[in-house]
Structure formats: structure tokens, C-alpha cells
């Protein structure tokens, strides 16, 4: 899902990266952090509406194989086919 966060929430993702590069104090980036959390929550809701089974199957595979992505490429492909990186 990390790739989806970066691609589908590019504006919010870039804003938080820019803010963190300019500020050392986390509180200075609170608005940007809240924006990326909201965008990520919406993305998760979209996933659960459009590709819930594919997402769950992929997550279960990653859990079963201890996050070894190479073991779950088939499940990843099914998830990304059902919920592509870009709309």
C-alpha cells in the first residue's frame, strides 16, 4: 500500500517531505501530517470498497511469509490489477 500512498496522494506526500526538510521540530509539520493521514485513511476506504478481497489476500500472504515480498508477487499482482497505482 506504500506505493499507492505515494502515487495516489502525491500532493500530500510531497508537502510532508518538503516540510520535514525545512523543519526539525515535528509540531511545525502538523498540518501536513494531518493531511497525509486523512488522505491515507481515504485511500484505505477506497481500497476496502474496490478491492477488499485482493487487499486482504495480499496482506495475509505478507503476514504468512514474514513480509517477504518475493513470495507474494502473485497476490500483489492481483491486488494491483484490482486497485491500480493510478486512477
N, C-alpha and C. Protein backbone atom coordinates (compact mmCIF):
# COMPACT_ATOMS: atom_id res chain seq x y z
N UNK A 1 0.81 -1.18 0.00
CA UNK A 1 0.00 0.00 0.00
C UNK A 1 0.87 1.26 0.00
N UNK A 2 2.12 1.14 0.38
CA UNK A 2 3.01 2.31 0.43
C UNK A 2 3.14 2.96 -0.94
N UNK A 3 3.26 2.15 -1.99
CA UNK A 3 3.35 2.72 -3.34
C UNK A 3 2.08 3.48 -3.67
N UNK A 4 0.95 2.94 -3.26
CA UNK A 4 -0.32 3.61 -3.53
C UNK A 4 -0.40 4.95 -2.80
N UNK A 5 0.10 5.00 -1.58
CA UNK A 5 0.09 6.25 -0.83
C UNK A 5 0.91 7.31 -1.57
N UNK A 6 2.08 6.93 -2.05
CA UNK A 6 2.95 7.88 -2.75
C UNK A 6 2.33 8.33 -4.07
N UNK A 7 1.81 7.38 -4.86
CA UNK A 7 1.29 7.74 -6.18
C UNK A 7 -0.07 8.42 -6.11
N UNK A 8 -0.96 7.92 -5.28
CA UNK A 8 -2.32 8.47 -5.24
C UNK A 8 -2.45 9.69 -4.35
N UNK A 9 -1.53 9.89 -3.45
CA UNK A 9 -1.55 11.06 -2.56
C UNK A 9 -0.27 11.87 -2.75
N UNK A 10 0.13 12.03 -3.98
CA UNK A 10 1.41 12.66 -4.29
C UNK A 10 1.52 14.07 -3.71
N UNK A 11 0.46 14.85 -3.83
CA UNK A 11 0.50 16.24 -3.33
C UNK A 11 0.77 16.27 -1.82
N UNK A 12 0.02 15.48 -1.06
CA UNK A 12 0.18 15.45 0.39
C UNK A 12 1.53 14.86 0.78
N UNK A 13 1.95 13.82 0.06
CA UNK A 13 3.24 13.18 0.33
C UNK A 13 4.39 14.16 0.12
N UNK A 14 4.35 14.88 -0.99
CA UNK A 14 5.42 15.86 -1.27
C UNK A 14 5.41 16.99 -0.25
N UNK A 15 4.22 17.42 0.18
CA UNK A 15 4.13 18.51 1.15
C UNK A 15 4.78 18.12 2.48
N UNK A 16 4.55 16.89 2.94
CA UNK A 16 5.14 16.47 4.21
C UNK A 16 6.66 16.31 4.07
N UNK A 17 7.12 15.82 2.94
CA UNK A 17 8.56 15.69 2.73
C UNK A 17 9.24 17.06 2.71
N UNK A 18 8.64 18.02 2.02
CA UNK A 18 9.20 19.37 1.97
C UNK A 18 9.22 20.01 3.35
N UNK A 19 8.14 19.84 4.10
CA UNK A 19 8.07 20.42 5.43
C UNK A 19 9.14 19.82 6.35
N UNK A 20 9.27 18.51 6.31
CA UNK A 20 10.26 17.86 7.16
C UNK A 20 11.69 18.26 6.79
N UNK A 21 11.91 18.56 5.52
CA UNK A 21 13.23 19.00 5.09
C UNK A 21 13.55 20.40 5.61
N UNK A 22 12.52 21.20 5.83
CA UNK A 22 12.71 22.58 6.27
C UNK A 22 12.65 22.76 7.78
N UNK A 23 12.05 21.81 8.48
CA UNK A 23 11.83 21.96 9.92
C UNK A 23 12.34 20.75 10.69
N UNK A 24 12.97 21.02 11.83
CA UNK A 24 13.44 19.94 12.68
C UNK A 24 12.39 19.53 13.72
N UNK A 25 11.50 20.44 14.06
CA UNK A 25 10.52 20.19 15.10
C UNK A 25 9.26 19.60 14.47
N UNK A 26 8.85 18.38 14.88
CA UNK A 26 7.69 17.72 14.26
C UNK A 26 6.40 18.54 14.31
N UNK A 27 6.22 19.31 15.35
CA UNK A 27 5.00 20.12 15.51
C UNK A 27 4.85 21.14 14.38
N UNK A 28 5.96 21.55 13.79
CA UNK A 28 5.91 22.51 12.70
C UNK A 28 5.23 21.94 11.45
N UNK A 29 5.19 20.63 11.34
CA UNK A 29 4.60 19.98 10.17
C UNK A 29 3.26 19.32 10.49
N UNK A 30 2.63 19.75 11.56
CA UNK A 30 1.37 19.13 11.98
C UNK A 30 0.28 19.22 10.90
N UNK A 31 0.06 20.36 10.26
CA UNK A 31 -0.99 20.40 9.22
C UNK A 31 -0.71 19.44 8.05
N UNK A 32 0.54 19.37 7.65
CA UNK A 32 0.90 18.46 6.56
C UNK A 32 0.74 17.00 6.99
N UNK A 33 1.10 16.71 8.24
CA UNK A 33 0.95 15.35 8.76
C UNK A 33 -0.52 14.94 8.82
N UNK A 34 -1.35 15.87 9.28
CA UNK A 34 -2.79 15.58 9.35
C UNK A 34 -3.37 15.37 7.96
N UNK A 35 -2.88 16.12 6.98
CA UNK A 35 -3.37 15.98 5.60
C UNK A 35 -3.01 14.61 5.03
N UNK A 36 -1.80 14.13 5.27
CA UNK A 36 -1.41 12.83 4.74
C UNK A 36 -2.16 11.71 5.46
N UNK A 37 -2.45 11.88 6.73
CA UNK A 37 -3.24 10.88 7.46
C UNK A 37 -4.66 10.81 6.88
N UNK A 38 -5.27 11.97 6.65
CA UNK A 38 -6.62 11.99 6.06
C UNK A 38 -6.62 11.34 4.69
N UNK A 39 -5.64 11.68 3.86
CA UNK A 39 -5.55 11.12 2.51
C UNK A 39 -5.33 9.61 2.55
N UNK A 40 -4.51 9.15 3.47
CA UNK A 40 -4.24 7.72 3.60
C UNK A 40 -5.48 6.98 4.10
N UNK A 41 -6.20 7.57 5.04
CA UNK A 41 -7.44 6.95 5.51
C UNK A 41 -8.46 6.84 4.38
N UNK A 42 -8.56 7.88 3.56
CA UNK A 42 -9.48 7.83 2.41
C UNK A 42 -9.04 6.76 1.42
N UNK A 43 -7.74 6.66 1.20
CA UNK A 43 -7.21 5.64 0.30
C UNK A 43 -7.57 4.25 0.81
N UNK A 44 -7.41 4.02 2.10
CA UNK A 44 -7.75 2.73 2.68
C UNK A 44 -9.25 2.44 2.51
N UNK A 45 -10.09 3.43 2.71
CA UNK A 45 -11.53 3.25 2.49
C UNK A 45 -11.81 2.88 1.04
N UNK A 46 -11.14 3.55 0.11
CA UNK A 46 -11.31 3.23 -1.32
C UNK A 46 -10.89 1.80 -1.61
N UNK A 47 -9.78 1.38 -1.03
CA UNK A 47 -9.31 0.00 -1.22
C UNK A 47 -10.36 -0.98 -0.72
N UNK A 48 -10.89 -0.72 0.46
CA UNK A 48 -11.85 -1.65 1.05
C UNK A 48 -13.18 -1.66 0.29
N UNK A 49 -13.46 -0.64 -0.50
CA UNK A 49 -14.65 -0.63 -1.33
C UNK A 49 -14.42 -1.32 -2.67
N UNK A 50 -13.23 -1.12 -3.24
CA UNK A 50 -12.99 -1.58 -4.61
C UNK A 50 -12.25 -2.90 -4.71
N UNK A 51 -11.42 -3.23 -3.73
CA UNK A 51 -10.61 -4.45 -3.83
C UNK A 51 -10.36 -5.08 -2.45
N UNK A 52 -11.41 -5.30 -1.67
CA UNK A 52 -11.18 -5.78 -0.30
C UNK A 52 -10.57 -7.18 -0.24
N UNK A 53 -11.03 -8.08 -1.07
CA UNK A 53 -10.51 -9.45 -1.02
C UNK A 53 -9.07 -9.52 -1.48
N UNK A 54 -8.74 -8.81 -2.55
CA UNK A 54 -7.37 -8.81 -3.06
C UNK A 54 -6.41 -8.20 -2.04
N UNK A 55 -6.86 -7.13 -1.39
CA UNK A 55 -6.02 -6.50 -0.37
C UNK A 55 -5.80 -7.45 0.81
N UNK A 56 -6.87 -8.07 1.28
CA UNK A 56 -6.76 -8.99 2.42
C UNK A 56 -5.89 -10.19 2.07
N UNK A 57 -6.05 -10.72 0.87
CA UNK A 57 -5.22 -11.87 0.45
C UNK A 57 -3.75 -11.49 0.40
N UNK A 58 -3.46 -10.31 -0.12
CA UNK A 58 -2.08 -9.83 -0.19
C UNK A 58 -1.51 -9.63 1.22
N UNK A 59 -2.29 -9.00 2.09
CA UNK A 59 -1.84 -8.76 3.46
C UNK A 59 -1.61 -10.07 4.21
N UNK A 60 -2.49 -11.04 4.02
CA UNK A 60 -2.33 -12.35 4.68
C UNK A 60 -1.07 -13.05 4.19
N UNK A 61 -0.82 -12.94 2.89
CA UNK A 61 0.38 -13.56 2.32
C UNK A 61 1.64 -12.93 2.93
N UNK A 62 1.67 -11.60 2.98
CA UNK A 62 2.83 -10.92 3.56
C UNK A 62 3.02 -11.30 5.02
N UNK A 63 1.92 -11.42 5.73
CA UNK A 63 1.99 -11.82 7.13
C UNK A 63 2.52 -13.25 7.26
N UNK A 64 2.01 -14.13 6.43
CA UNK A 64 2.41 -15.55 6.48
C UNK A 64 3.90 -15.73 6.18
N UNK A 65 4.38 -14.98 5.21
CA UNK A 65 5.77 -15.12 4.79
C UNK A 65 6.70 -14.08 5.42
N UNK A 66 6.27 -13.47 6.49
CA UNK A 66 7.16 -12.53 7.21
C UNK A 66 7.61 -11.35 6.37
N UNK A 67 6.69 -10.78 5.60
CA UNK A 67 6.95 -9.61 4.74
C UNK A 67 7.96 -9.88 3.63
N UNK A 68 8.10 -11.12 3.23
CA UNK A 68 8.96 -11.45 2.09
C UNK A 68 8.15 -11.23 0.81
N UNK A 69 8.32 -10.04 0.24
CA UNK A 69 7.52 -9.65 -0.92
C UNK A 69 7.68 -10.62 -2.09
N UNK A 70 8.85 -11.20 -2.24
CA UNK A 70 9.08 -12.10 -3.36
C UNK A 70 8.15 -13.31 -3.32
N UNK A 71 7.68 -13.69 -2.15
CA UNK A 71 6.79 -14.84 -2.01
C UNK A 71 5.33 -14.49 -2.35
N UNK A 72 5.04 -13.21 -2.47
CA UNK A 72 3.64 -12.77 -2.62
C UNK A 72 3.40 -11.99 -3.91
N UNK A 73 4.26 -12.15 -4.89
CA UNK A 73 4.11 -11.38 -6.13
C UNK A 73 2.78 -11.65 -6.83
N UNK A 74 2.30 -12.88 -6.78
CA UNK A 74 1.03 -13.22 -7.42
C UNK A 74 -0.13 -12.46 -6.75
N UNK A 75 -0.13 -12.43 -5.43
CA UNK A 75 -1.17 -11.71 -4.67
C UNK A 75 -1.03 -10.21 -4.90
N UNK A 76 0.21 -9.72 -4.99
CA UNK A 76 0.43 -8.31 -5.27
C UNK A 76 -0.12 -7.94 -6.63
N UNK A 77 0.13 -8.77 -7.62
CA UNK A 77 -0.36 -8.51 -8.98
C UNK A 77 -1.89 -8.48 -9.01
N UNK A 78 -2.51 -9.39 -8.29
CA UNK A 78 -3.97 -9.42 -8.23
C UNK A 78 -4.51 -8.15 -7.57
N UNK A 79 -3.87 -7.73 -6.49
CA UNK A 79 -4.30 -6.50 -5.80
C UNK A 79 -4.11 -5.29 -6.71
N UNK A 80 -2.96 -5.18 -7.35
CA UNK A 80 -2.70 -4.02 -8.19
C UNK A 80 -3.55 -4.02 -9.45
N UNK A 81 -3.98 -5.19 -9.90
CA UNK A 81 -4.92 -5.25 -11.04
C UNK A 81 -6.30 -4.74 -10.61
N UNK A 82 -6.69 -5.08 -9.41
CA UNK A 82 -8.00 -4.65 -8.91
C UNK A 82 -7.98 -3.21 -8.44
N UNK A 83 -6.82 -2.73 -7.99
CA UNK A 83 -6.69 -1.36 -7.48
C UNK A 83 -5.37 -0.80 -7.99
N UNK A 84 -5.35 -0.29 -9.23
CA UNK A 84 -4.11 0.19 -9.84
C UNK A 84 -3.48 1.37 -9.09
N UNK A 85 -2.21 1.59 -9.32
CA UNK A 85 -1.50 2.69 -8.67
C UNK A 85 -2.09 4.05 -9.03
N UNK A 86 -2.53 4.21 -10.27
CA UNK A 86 -3.14 5.47 -10.66
C UNK A 86 -4.56 5.20 -11.12
N UNK A 87 -5.38 6.22 -10.94
CA UNK A 87 -6.80 6.05 -11.30
C UNK A 87 -7.03 6.19 -12.76
